[in-house]
């Protein structure tokens, strides 16, 4: 209510560097990419090139970047949209769950 018609939804990225959460805050609720965080584990030793651990780290970092890029693209697509259209986007997202 504090933002009136100027506020429809925001994205949140919460991280502790090893745990990542992607959150969507909208007037009809809060959604998350999953109930569990995405975990990236770091150890004191360096990863060996070509190891499963290195491949897993690369895969998880790529996934994080894909989510961030998707959030940014979504935000760019709706710049200048009317509030009703923005709300429809969120409702469409929730209906796919």
PDB file of N, CA and C in Angstrom:
ATOM      1  N   UNK A   1       0.815  -1.193   0.000  1.00  0.00           N
ATOM      2  CA  UNK A   1       0.000   0.000   0.000  1.00  0.00           C
ATOM      3  C   UNK A   1       0.857   1.256   0.000  1.00  0.00           C
ATOM      4  N   UNK A   2       2.031   1.173   0.590  1.00  0.00           N
ATOM      5  CA  UNK A   2       2.900   2.343   0.687  1.00  0.00           C
ATOM      6  C   UNK A   2       3.345   2.838  -0.682  1.00  0.00           C
ATOM      7  N   UNK A   3       3.395   1.936  -1.686  1.00  0.00           N
ATOM      8  CA  UNK A   3       3.869   2.321  -2.996  1.00  0.00           C
ATOM      9  C   UNK A   3       2.732   2.612  -3.974  1.00  0.00           C
ATOM     10  N   UNK A   4       1.498   2.407  -3.570  1.00  0.00           N
ATOM     11  CA  UNK A   4       0.355   2.671  -4.433  1.00  0.00           C
ATOM     12  C   UNK A   4       0.420   1.847  -5.704  1.00  0.00           C
ATOM     13  N   UNK A   5       0.087   2.455  -6.834  1.00  0.00           N
ATOM     14  CA  UNK A   5       0.070   1.768  -8.121  1.00  0.00           C
ATOM     15  C   UNK A   5       1.468   1.564  -8.701  1.00  0.00           C
ATOM     16  N   UNK A   6       2.488   2.176  -8.096  1.00  0.00           N
ATOM     17  CA  UNK A   6       3.835   2.072  -8.633  1.00  0.00           C
ATOM     18  C   UNK A   6       4.505   0.744  -8.302  1.00  0.00           C
ATOM     19  N   UNK A   7       3.918  -0.029  -7.416  1.00  0.00           N
ATOM     20  CA  UNK A   7       4.547  -1.265  -6.955  1.00  0.00           C
ATOM     21  C   UNK A   7       3.660  -2.454  -7.275  1.00  0.00           C
ATOM     22  N   UNK A   8       4.205  -3.417  -8.026  1.00  0.00           N
ATOM     23  CA  UNK A   8       3.460  -4.634  -8.328  1.00  0.00           C
ATOM     24  C   UNK A   8       4.187  -5.866  -7.811  1.00  0.00           C
ATOM     25  N   UNK A   9       5.472  -5.924  -8.040  1.00  0.00           N
ATOM     26  CA  UNK A   9       6.258  -7.052  -7.558  1.00  0.00           C
ATOM     27  C   UNK A   9       7.733  -6.683  -7.576  1.00  0.00           C
ATOM     28  N   UNK A  10       8.503  -7.413  -6.809  1.00  0.00           N
ATOM     29  CA  UNK A  10       9.954  -7.264  -6.835  1.00  0.00           C
ATOM     30  C   UNK A  10      10.575  -8.653  -6.732  1.00  0.00           C
ATOM     31  N   UNK A  11      11.779  -8.755  -7.220  1.00  0.00           N
ATOM     32  CA  UNK A  11      12.540  -9.987  -7.096  1.00  0.00           C
ATOM     33  C   UNK A  11      13.542  -9.830  -5.969  1.00  0.00           C
ATOM     34  N   UNK A  12      13.850 -10.918  -5.323  1.00  0.00           N
ATOM     35  CA  UNK A  12      14.877 -10.905  -4.294  1.00  0.00           C
ATOM     36  C   UNK A  12      15.853 -12.037  -4.519  1.00  0.00           C
ATOM     37  N   UNK A  13      17.105 -11.735  -4.309  1.00  0.00           N
ATOM     38  CA  UNK A  13      18.146 -12.752  -4.339  1.00  0.00           C
ATOM     39  C   UNK A  13      18.818 -12.694  -2.981  1.00  0.00           C
ATOM     40  N   UNK A  14      18.748 -13.788  -2.263  1.00  0.00           N
ATOM     41  CA  UNK A  14      19.337 -13.864  -0.931  1.00  0.00           C
ATOM     42  C   UNK A  14      20.444 -14.903  -0.988  1.00  0.00           C
ATOM     43  N   UNK A  15      21.623 -14.525  -0.520  1.00  0.00           N
ATOM     44  CA  UNK A  15      22.732 -15.469  -0.565  1.00  0.00           C
ATOM     45  C   UNK A  15      23.655 -15.314   0.632  1.00  0.00           C
ATOM     46  N   UNK A  16      24.246 -16.424   0.998  1.00  0.00           N
ATOM     47  CA  UNK A  16      25.319 -16.425   1.996  1.00  0.00           C
ATOM     48  C   UNK A  16      26.627 -16.780   1.303  1.00  0.00           C
ATOM     49  N   UNK A  17      26.648 -16.733   0.001  1.00  0.00           N
ATOM     50  CA  UNK A  17      27.754 -17.109  -0.880  1.00  0.00           C
ATOM     51  C   UNK A  17      27.762 -18.608  -1.154  1.00  0.00           C
ATOM     52  N   UNK A  18      27.310 -19.418  -0.218  1.00  0.00           N
ATOM     53  CA  UNK A  18      27.236 -20.853  -0.500  1.00  0.00           C
ATOM     54  C   UNK A  18      25.794 -21.322  -0.657  1.00  0.00           C
ATOM     55  N   UNK A  19      24.828 -20.558  -0.152  1.00  0.00           N
ATOM     56  CA  UNK A  19      23.406 -20.878  -0.313  1.00  0.00           C
ATOM     57  C   UNK A  19      22.734 -19.732  -1.062  1.00  0.00           C
ATOM     58  N   UNK A  20      21.911 -20.079  -2.044  1.00  0.00           N
ATOM     59  CA  UNK A  20      21.237 -19.079  -2.876  1.00  0.00           C
ATOM     60  C   UNK A  20      19.736 -19.323  -2.865  1.00  0.00           C
ATOM     61  N   UNK A  21      18.967 -18.248  -2.701  1.00  0.00           N
ATOM     62  CA  UNK A  21      17.507 -18.292  -2.770  1.00  0.00           C
ATOM     63  C   UNK A  21      17.053 -17.212  -3.752  1.00  0.00           C
ATOM     64  N   UNK A  22      16.138 -17.546  -4.647  1.00  0.00           N
ATOM     65  CA  UNK A  22      15.558 -16.590  -5.581  1.00  0.00           C
ATOM     66  C   UNK A  22      14.082 -16.464  -5.227  1.00  0.00           C
ATOM     67  N   UNK A  23      13.647 -15.239  -4.944  1.00  0.00           N
ATOM     68  CA  UNK A  23      12.323 -15.015  -4.379  1.00  0.00           C
ATOM     69  C   UNK A  23      11.573 -13.976  -5.207  1.00  0.00           C
ATOM     70  N   UNK A  24      10.273 -14.170  -5.352  1.00  0.00           N
ATOM     71  CA  UNK A  24       9.387 -13.216  -6.017  1.00  0.00           C
ATOM     72  C   UNK A  24       8.386 -12.732  -4.976  1.00  0.00           C
ATOM     73  N   UNK A  25       8.386 -11.436  -4.723  1.00  0.00           N
ATOM     74  CA  UNK A  25       7.439 -10.829  -3.793  1.00  0.00           C
ATOM     75  C   UNK A  25       6.356 -10.140  -4.615  1.00  0.00           C
ATOM     76  N   UNK A  26       5.107 -10.534  -4.437  1.00  0.00           N
ATOM     77  CA  UNK A  26       3.984  -9.918  -5.148  1.00  0.00           C
ATOM     78  C   UNK A  26       2.863  -9.663  -4.154  1.00  0.00           C
ATOM     79  N   UNK A  27       1.897  -8.868  -4.566  1.00  0.00           N
ATOM     80  CA  UNK A  27       0.800  -8.520  -3.661  1.00  0.00           C
ATOM     81  C   UNK A  27      -0.008  -9.739  -3.232  1.00  0.00           C
ATOM     82  N   UNK A  28       0.021 -10.808  -4.044  1.00  0.00           N
ATOM     83  CA  UNK A  28      -0.753 -11.999  -3.689  1.00  0.00           C
ATOM     84  C   UNK A  28       0.082 -13.090  -3.016  1.00  0.00           C
ATOM     85  N   UNK A  29       1.331 -12.800  -2.698  1.00  0.00           N
ATOM     86  CA  UNK A  29       2.133 -13.781  -1.974  1.00  0.00           C
ATOM     87  C   UNK A  29       3.604 -13.725  -2.317  1.00  0.00           C
ATOM     88  N   UNK A  30       4.348 -14.617  -1.701  1.00  0.00           N
ATOM     89  CA  UNK A  30       5.785 -14.726  -1.908  1.00  0.00           C
ATOM     90  C   UNK A  30       6.069 -16.101  -2.496  1.00  0.00           C
ATOM     91  N   UNK A  31       6.839 -16.127  -3.576  1.00  0.00           N
ATOM     92  CA  UNK A  31       7.206 -17.388  -4.218  1.00  0.00           C
ATOM     93  C   UNK A  31       8.718 -17.529  -4.217  1.00  0.00           C
ATOM     94  N   UNK A  32       9.167 -18.780  -4.222  1.00  0.00           N
ATOM     95  CA  UNK A  32      10.595 -19.064  -4.246  1.00  0.00           C
ATOM     96  C   UNK A  32      10.864 -20.108  -5.315  1.00  0.00           C
ATOM     97  N   UNK A  33      12.091 -20.129  -5.829  1.00  0.00           N
ATOM     98  CA  UNK A  33      12.437 -21.124  -6.846  1.00  0.00           C
ATOM     99  C   UNK A  33      12.353 -22.533  -6.294  1.00  0.00           C
ATOM    100  N   UNK A  34      12.597 -22.688  -5.005  1.00  0.00           N
ATOM    101  CA  UNK A  34      12.442 -23.982  -4.351  1.00  0.00           C
ATOM    102  C   UNK A  34      12.457 -23.768  -2.845  1.00  0.00           C
ATOM    103  N   UNK A  35      12.017 -24.766  -2.113  1.00  0.00           N
ATOM    104  CA  UNK A  35      12.039 -24.657  -0.657  1.00  0.00           C
ATOM    105  C   UNK A  35      13.444 -24.839  -0.116  1.00  0.00           C
ATOM    106  N   UNK A  36      14.274 -25.533  -0.880  1.00  0.00           N
ATOM    107  CA  UNK A  36      15.658 -25.728  -0.478  1.00  0.00           C
ATOM    108  C   UNK A  36      16.534 -24.731  -1.216  1.00  0.00           C
ATOM    109  N   UNK A  37      17.549 -24.272  -0.538  1.00  0.00           N
ATOM    110  CA  UNK A  37      18.475 -23.359  -1.193  1.00  0.00           C
ATOM    111  C   UNK A  37      19.332 -24.126  -2.189  1.00  0.00           C
ATOM    112  N   UNK A  38      19.878 -23.400  -3.143  1.00  0.00           N
ATOM    113  CA  UNK A  38      20.871 -23.980  -4.032  1.00  0.00           C
ATOM    114  C   UNK A  38      22.195 -23.875  -3.294  1.00  0.00           C
ATOM    115  N   UNK A  39      22.830 -24.989  -3.039  1.00  0.00           N
ATOM    116  CA  UNK A  39      24.073 -25.000  -2.269  1.00  0.00           C
ATOM    117  C   UNK A  39      25.274 -25.165  -3.178  1.00  0.00           C
ATOM    118  N   UNK A  40      26.241 -24.314  -2.976  1.00  0.00           N
ATOM    119  CA  UNK A  40      27.539 -24.443  -3.623  1.00  0.00           C
ATOM    120  C   UNK A  40      28.538 -24.579  -2.490  1.00  0.00           C
ATOM    121  N   UNK A  41      29.174 -25.704  -2.405  1.00  0.00           N
ATOM    122  CA  UNK A  41      30.100 -25.968  -1.297  1.00  0.00           C
ATOM    123  C   UNK A  41      31.536 -25.652  -1.713  1.00  0.00           C
ATOM    124  N   UNK A  42      32.223 -24.939  -0.851  1.00  0.00           N
ATOM    125  CA  UNK A  42      33.626 -24.613  -1.070  1.00  0.00           C
ATOM    126  C   UNK A  42      34.473 -25.370  -0.057  1.00  0.00           C
ATOM    127  N   UNK A  43      35.648 -25.782  -0.472  1.00  0.00           N
ATOM    128  CA  UNK A  43      36.573 -26.453   0.439  1.00  0.00           C
ATOM    129  C   UNK A  43      37.897 -25.709   0.423  1.00  0.00           C
ATOM    130  N   UNK A  44      38.743 -26.050   1.363  1.00  0.00           N
ATOM    131  CA  UNK A  44      40.046 -25.393   1.436  1.00  0.00           C
ATOM    132  C   UNK A  44      40.928 -25.761   0.250  1.00  0.00           C
ATOM    133  N   UNK A  45      40.823 -26.982  -0.221  1.00  0.00           N
ATOM    134  CA  UNK A  45      41.667 -27.393  -1.340  1.00  0.00           C
ATOM    135  C   UNK A  45      41.066 -26.911  -2.656  1.00  0.00           C
ATOM    136  N   UNK A  46      41.940 -26.678  -3.616  1.00  0.00           N
ATOM    137  CA  UNK A  46      41.479 -26.241  -4.935  1.00  0.00           C
ATOM    138  C   UNK A  46      40.859 -27.433  -5.661  1.00  0.00           C
ATOM    139  N   UNK A  47      39.933 -27.145  -6.526  1.00  0.00           N
ATOM    140  CA  UNK A  47      39.310 -28.210  -7.314  1.00  0.00           C
ATOM    141  C   UNK A  47      40.270 -28.681  -8.402  1.00  0.00           C
ATOM    142  N   UNK A  48      40.298 -29.967  -8.593  1.00  0.00           N
ATOM    143  CA  UNK A  48      41.137 -30.515  -9.658  1.00  0.00           C
ATOM    144  C   UNK A  48      40.423 -30.333 -10.986  1.00  0.00           C
ATOM    145  N   UNK A  49      41.177 -29.910 -11.992  1.00  0.00           N
ATOM    146  CA  UNK A  49      40.599 -29.686 -13.310  1.00  0.00           C
ATOM    147  C   UNK A  49      39.991 -30.975 -13.850  1.00  0.00           C
ATOM    148  N   UNK A  50      38.749 -30.874 -14.312  1.00  0.00           N
ATOM    149  CA  UNK A  50      38.051 -32.021 -14.873  1.00  0.00           C
ATOM    150  C   UNK A  50      37.382 -32.919 -13.852  1.00  0.00           C
ATOM    151  N   UNK A  51      37.505 -32.586 -12.578  1.00  0.00           N
ATOM    152  CA  UNK A  51      36.902 -33.420 -11.533  1.00  0.00           C
ATOM    153  C   UNK A  51      35.388 -33.236 -11.503  1.00  0.00           C
ATOM    154  N   UNK A  52      34.697 -34.182 -10.880  1.00  0.00           N
ATOM    155  CA  UNK A  52      33.240 -34.086 -10.742  1.00  0.00           C
ATOM    156  C   UNK A  52      32.859 -32.844  -9.939  1.00  0.00           C
ATOM    157  N   UNK A  53      33.657 -32.522  -8.925  1.00  0.00           N
ATOM    158  CA  UNK A  53      33.376 -31.343  -8.100  1.00  0.00           C
ATOM    159  C   UNK A  53      33.449 -30.069  -8.931  1.00  0.00           C
ATOM    160  N   UNK A  54      34.461 -29.981  -9.801  1.00  0.00           N
ATOM    161  CA  UNK A  54      34.593 -28.802 -10.657  1.00  0.00           C
ATOM    162  C   UNK A  54      33.408 -28.713 -11.620  1.00  0.00           C
ATOM    163  N   UNK A  55      33.025 -29.844 -12.197  1.00  0.00           N
ATOM    164  CA  UNK A  55      31.884 -29.866 -13.115  1.00  0.00           C
ATOM    165  C   UNK A  55      30.600 -29.458 -12.399  1.00  0.00           C
ATOM    166  N   UNK A  56      30.428 -29.945 -11.169  1.00  0.00           N
ATOM    167  CA  UNK A  56      29.241 -29.603 -10.382  1.00  0.00           C
ATOM    168  C   UNK A  56      29.215 -28.115 -10.059  1.00  0.00           C
ATOM    169  N   UNK A  57      30.364 -27.563  -9.678  1.00  0.00           N
ATOM    170  CA  UNK A  57      30.445 -26.134  -9.383  1.00  0.00           C
ATOM    171  C   UNK A  57      30.097 -25.314 -10.618  1.00  0.00           C
ATOM    172  N   UNK A  58      30.670 -25.671 -11.754  1.00  0.00           N
ATOM    173  CA  UNK A  58      30.383 -24.944 -12.998  1.00  0.00           C
ATOM    174  C   UNK A  58      28.901 -25.015 -13.353  1.00  0.00           C
ATOM    175  N   UNK A  59      28.304 -26.196 -13.185  1.00  0.00           N
ATOM    176  CA  UNK A  59      26.881 -26.372 -13.486  1.00  0.00           C
ATOM    177  C   UNK A  59      26.024 -25.484 -12.584  1.00  0.00           C
ATOM    178  N   UNK A  60      26.348 -25.449 -11.287  1.00  0.00           N
ATOM    179  CA  UNK A  60      25.563 -24.647 -10.353  1.00  0.00           C
ATOM    180  C   UNK A  60      25.739 -23.152 -10.578  1.00  0.00           C
ATOM    181  N   UNK A  61      26.958 -22.722 -10.880  1.00  0.00           N
ATOM    182  CA  UNK A  61      27.191 -21.303 -11.173  1.00  0.00           C
ATOM    183  C   UNK A  61      26.439 -20.916 -12.438  1.00  0.00           C
ATOM    184  N   UNK A  62      26.465 -21.787 -13.449  1.00  0.00           N
ATOM    185  CA  UNK A  62      25.724 -21.513 -14.689  1.00  0.00           C
ATOM    186  C   UNK A  62      24.230 -21.384 -14.401  1.00  0.00           C
ATOM    187  N   UNK A  63      23.695 -22.280 -13.570  1.00  0.00           N
ATOM    188  CA  UNK A  63      22.266 -22.221 -13.237  1.00  0.00           C
ATOM    189  C   UNK A  63      21.932 -20.904 -12.540  1.00  0.00           C
ATOM    190  N   UNK A  64      22.782 -20.487 -11.606  1.00  0.00           N
ATOM    191  CA  UNK A  64      22.557 -19.220 -10.899  1.00  0.00           C
ATOM    192  C   UNK A  64      22.543 -18.065 -11.888  1.00  0.00           C
ATOM    193  N   UNK A  65      23.495 -18.034 -12.788  1.00  0.00           N
ATOM    194  CA  UNK A  65      23.561 -16.948 -13.765  1.00  0.00           C
ATOM    195  C   UNK A  65      22.350 -16.969 -14.696  1.00  0.00           C
ATOM    196  N   UNK A  66      21.873 -18.158 -15.079  1.00  0.00           N
ATOM    197  CA  UNK A  66      20.674 -18.246 -15.919  1.00  0.00           C
ATOM    198  C   UNK A  66      19.465 -17.660 -15.202  1.00  0.00           C
ATOM    199  N   UNK A  67      19.339 -17.930 -13.913  1.00  0.00           N
ATOM    200  CA  UNK A  67      18.224 -17.372 -13.145  1.00  0.00           C
ATOM    201  C   UNK A  67      18.342 -15.859 -13.073  1.00  0.00           C
ATOM    202  N   UNK A  68      19.536 -15.345 -12.778  1.00  0.00           N
ATOM    203  CA  UNK A  68      19.738 -13.895 -12.685  1.00  0.00           C
ATOM    204  C   UNK A  68      19.436 -13.234 -14.026  1.00  0.00           C
ATOM    205  N   UNK A  69      19.941 -13.790 -15.111  1.00  0.00           N
ATOM    206  CA  UNK A  69      19.680 -13.232 -16.440  1.00  0.00           C
ATOM    207  C   UNK A  69      18.187 -13.279 -16.751  1.00  0.00           C
ATOM    208  N   UNK A  70      17.521 -14.375 -16.412  1.00  0.00           N
ATOM    209  CA  UNK A  70      16.076 -14.472 -16.631  1.00  0.00           C
ATOM    210  C   UNK A  70      15.303 -13.412 -15.871  1.00  0.00           C
ATOM    211  N   UNK A  71      15.702 -13.164 -14.629  1.00  0.00           N
ATOM    212  CA  UNK A  71      15.040 -12.123 -13.834  1.00  0.00           C
ATOM    213  C   UNK A  71      15.244 -10.751 -14.464  1.00  0.00           C
ATOM    214  N   UNK A  72      16.463 -10.480 -14.911  1.00  0.00           N
ATOM    215  CA  UNK A  72      16.745  -9.183 -15.533  1.00  0.00           C
ATOM    216  C   UNK A  72      15.993  -9.021 -16.850  1.00  0.00           C
ATOM    217  N   UNK A  73      15.956 -10.081 -17.666  1.00  0.00           N
ATOM    218  CA  UNK A  73      15.212 -10.011 -18.931  1.00  0.00           C
ATOM    219  C   UNK A  73      13.729  -9.774 -18.675  1.00  0.00           C
ATOM    220  N   UNK A  74      13.176 -10.484 -17.692  1.00  0.00           N
ATOM    221  CA  UNK A  74      11.768 -10.303 -17.356  1.00  0.00           C
ATOM    222  C   UNK A  74      11.506  -8.865 -16.963  1.00  0.00           C
ATOM    223  N   UNK A  75      12.404  -8.301 -16.190  1.00  0.00           N
ATOM    224  CA  UNK A  75      12.230  -6.919 -15.735  1.00  0.00           C
ATOM    225  C   UNK A  75      12.283  -5.957 -16.912  1.00  0.00           C
ATOM    226  N   UNK A  76      13.200  -6.192 -17.851  1.00  0.00           N
ATOM    227  CA  UNK A  76      13.300  -5.326 -19.020  1.00  0.00           C
ATOM    228  C   UNK A  76      12.057  -5.418 -19.897  1.00  0.00           C
ATOM    229  N   UNK A  77      11.509  -6.623 -20.030  1.00  0.00           N
ATOM    230  CA  UNK A  77      10.323  -6.821 -20.866  1.00  0.00           C
ATOM    231  C   UNK A  77       9.120  -6.048 -20.352  1.00  0.00           C
ATOM    232  N   UNK A  78       9.046  -5.829 -19.057  1.00  0.00           N
ATOM    233  CA  UNK A  78       7.846  -5.202 -18.515  1.00  0.00           C
ATOM    234  C   UNK A  78       8.041  -3.717 -18.206  1.00  0.00           C
ATOM    235  N   UNK A  79       9.202  -3.155 -18.551  1.00  0.00           N
ATOM    236  CA  UNK A  79       9.396  -1.721 -18.345  1.00  0.00           C
ATOM    237  C   UNK A  79       8.371  -0.974 -19.185  1.00  0.00           C
ATOM    238  N   UNK A  80       7.642  -0.102 -18.576  1.00  0.00           N
ATOM    239  CA  UNK A  80       6.641   0.686 -19.276  1.00  0.00           C
ATOM    240  C   UNK A  80       5.280   0.024 -19.386  1.00  0.00           C
ATOM    241  N   UNK A  81       5.153  -1.213 -18.951  1.00  0.00           N
ATOM    242  CA  UNK A  81       3.850  -1.874 -18.995  1.00  0.00           C
ATOM    243  C   UNK A  81       2.915  -1.271 -17.956  1.00  0.00           C
ATOM    244  N   UNK A  82       1.669  -1.344 -18.245  1.00  0.00           N
ATOM    245  CA  UNK A  82       0.658  -0.894 -17.297  1.00  0.00           C
ATOM    246  C   UNK A  82       0.581  -1.878 -16.128  1.00  0.00           C
ATOM    247  N   UNK A  83       0.186  -1.405 -14.953  1.00  0.00           N
ATOM    248  CA  UNK A  83       0.097  -2.286 -13.775  1.00  0.00           C
ATOM    249  C   UNK A  83      -0.758  -3.531 -13.993  1.00  0.00           C
ATOM    250  N   UNK A  84      -1.848  -3.417 -14.767  1.00  0.00           N
ATOM    251  CA  UNK A  84      -2.705  -4.583 -15.011  1.00  0.00           C
ATOM    252  C   UNK A  84      -1.945  -5.679 -15.756  1.00  0.00           C
ATOM    253  N   UNK A  85      -1.114  -5.291 -16.714  1.00  0.00           N
ATOM    254  CA  UNK A  85      -0.334  -6.270 -17.484  1.00  0.00           C
ATOM    255  C   UNK A  85       0.721  -6.919 -16.592  1.00  0.00           C
ATOM    256  N   UNK A  86       1.339  -6.140 -15.727  1.00  0.00           N
ATOM    257  CA  UNK A  86       2.324  -6.694 -14.802  1.00  0.00           C
ATOM    258  C   UNK A  86       1.665  -7.721 -13.882  1.00  0.00           C
ATOM    259  N   UNK A  87       0.472  -7.392 -13.396  1.00  0.00           N
ATOM    260  CA  UNK A  87      -0.245  -8.312 -12.520  1.00  0.00           C
ATOM    261  C   UNK A  87      -0.585  -9.596 -13.273  1.00  0.00           C
ATOM    262  N   UNK A  88      -0.957  -9.470 -14.543  1.00  0.00           N
ATOM    263  CA  UNK A  88      -1.279 -10.643 -15.360  1.00  0.00           C
ATOM    264  C   UNK A  88      -0.060 -11.546 -15.515  1.00  0.00           C
ATOM    265  N   UNK A  89       1.128 -10.944 -15.645  1.00  0.00           N
ATOM    266  CA  UNK A  89       2.359 -11.734 -15.733  1.00  0.00           C
ATOM    267  C   UNK A  89       2.543 -12.593 -14.483  1.00  0.00           C
ATOM    268  N   UNK A  90       2.336 -11.988 -13.326  1.00  0.00           N
ATOM    269  CA  UNK A  90       2.516 -12.703 -12.062  1.00  0.00           C
ATOM    270  C   UNK A  90       1.464 -13.800 -11.925  1.00  0.00           C
ATOM    271  N   UNK A  91       0.220 -13.502 -12.280  1.00  0.00           N
ATOM    272  CA  UNK A  91      -0.838 -14.508 -12.207  1.00  0.00           C
ATOM    273  C   UNK A  91      -0.536 -15.676 -13.141  1.00  0.00           C
ATOM    274  N   UNK A  92       0.009 -15.380 -14.321  1.00  0.00           N
ATOM    275  CA  UNK A  92       0.380 -16.439 -15.263  1.00  0.00           C
ATOM    276  C   UNK A  92       1.493 -17.301 -14.666  1.00  0.00           C
ATOM    277  N   UNK A  93       2.450 -16.663 -14.026  1.00  0.00           N
ATOM    278  CA  UNK A  93       3.543 -17.399 -13.386  1.00  0.00           C
ATOM    279  C   UNK A  93       2.997 -18.336 -12.311  1.00  0.00           C
ATOM    280  N   UNK A  94       2.094 -17.834 -11.471  1.00  0.00           N
ATOM    281  CA  UNK A  94       1.534 -18.644 -10.390  1.00  0.00           C
ATOM    282  C   UNK A  94       0.671 -19.789 -10.927  1.00  0.00           C
ATOM    283  N   UNK A  95       0.000 -19.584 -12.049  1.00  0.00           N
ATOM    284  CA  UNK A  95      -0.863 -20.634 -12.597  1.00  0.00           C
ATOM    285  C   UNK A  95      -0.053 -21.799 -13.174  1.00  0.00           C
ATOM    286  N   UNK A  96       1.206 -21.568 -13.522  1.00  0.00           N
ATOM    287  CA  UNK A  96       2.061 -22.625 -14.072  1.00  0.00           C
ATOM    288  C   UNK A  96       2.620 -23.532 -12.990  1.00  0.00           C
ATOM    289  N   UNK A  97       2.490 -23.147 -11.739  1.00  0.00           N
ATOM    290  CA  UNK A  97       3.059 -23.942 -10.640  1.00  0.00           C
ATOM    291  C   UNK A  97       2.313 -25.219 -10.442  1.00  0.00           C
TER     292      UNK A  97
END
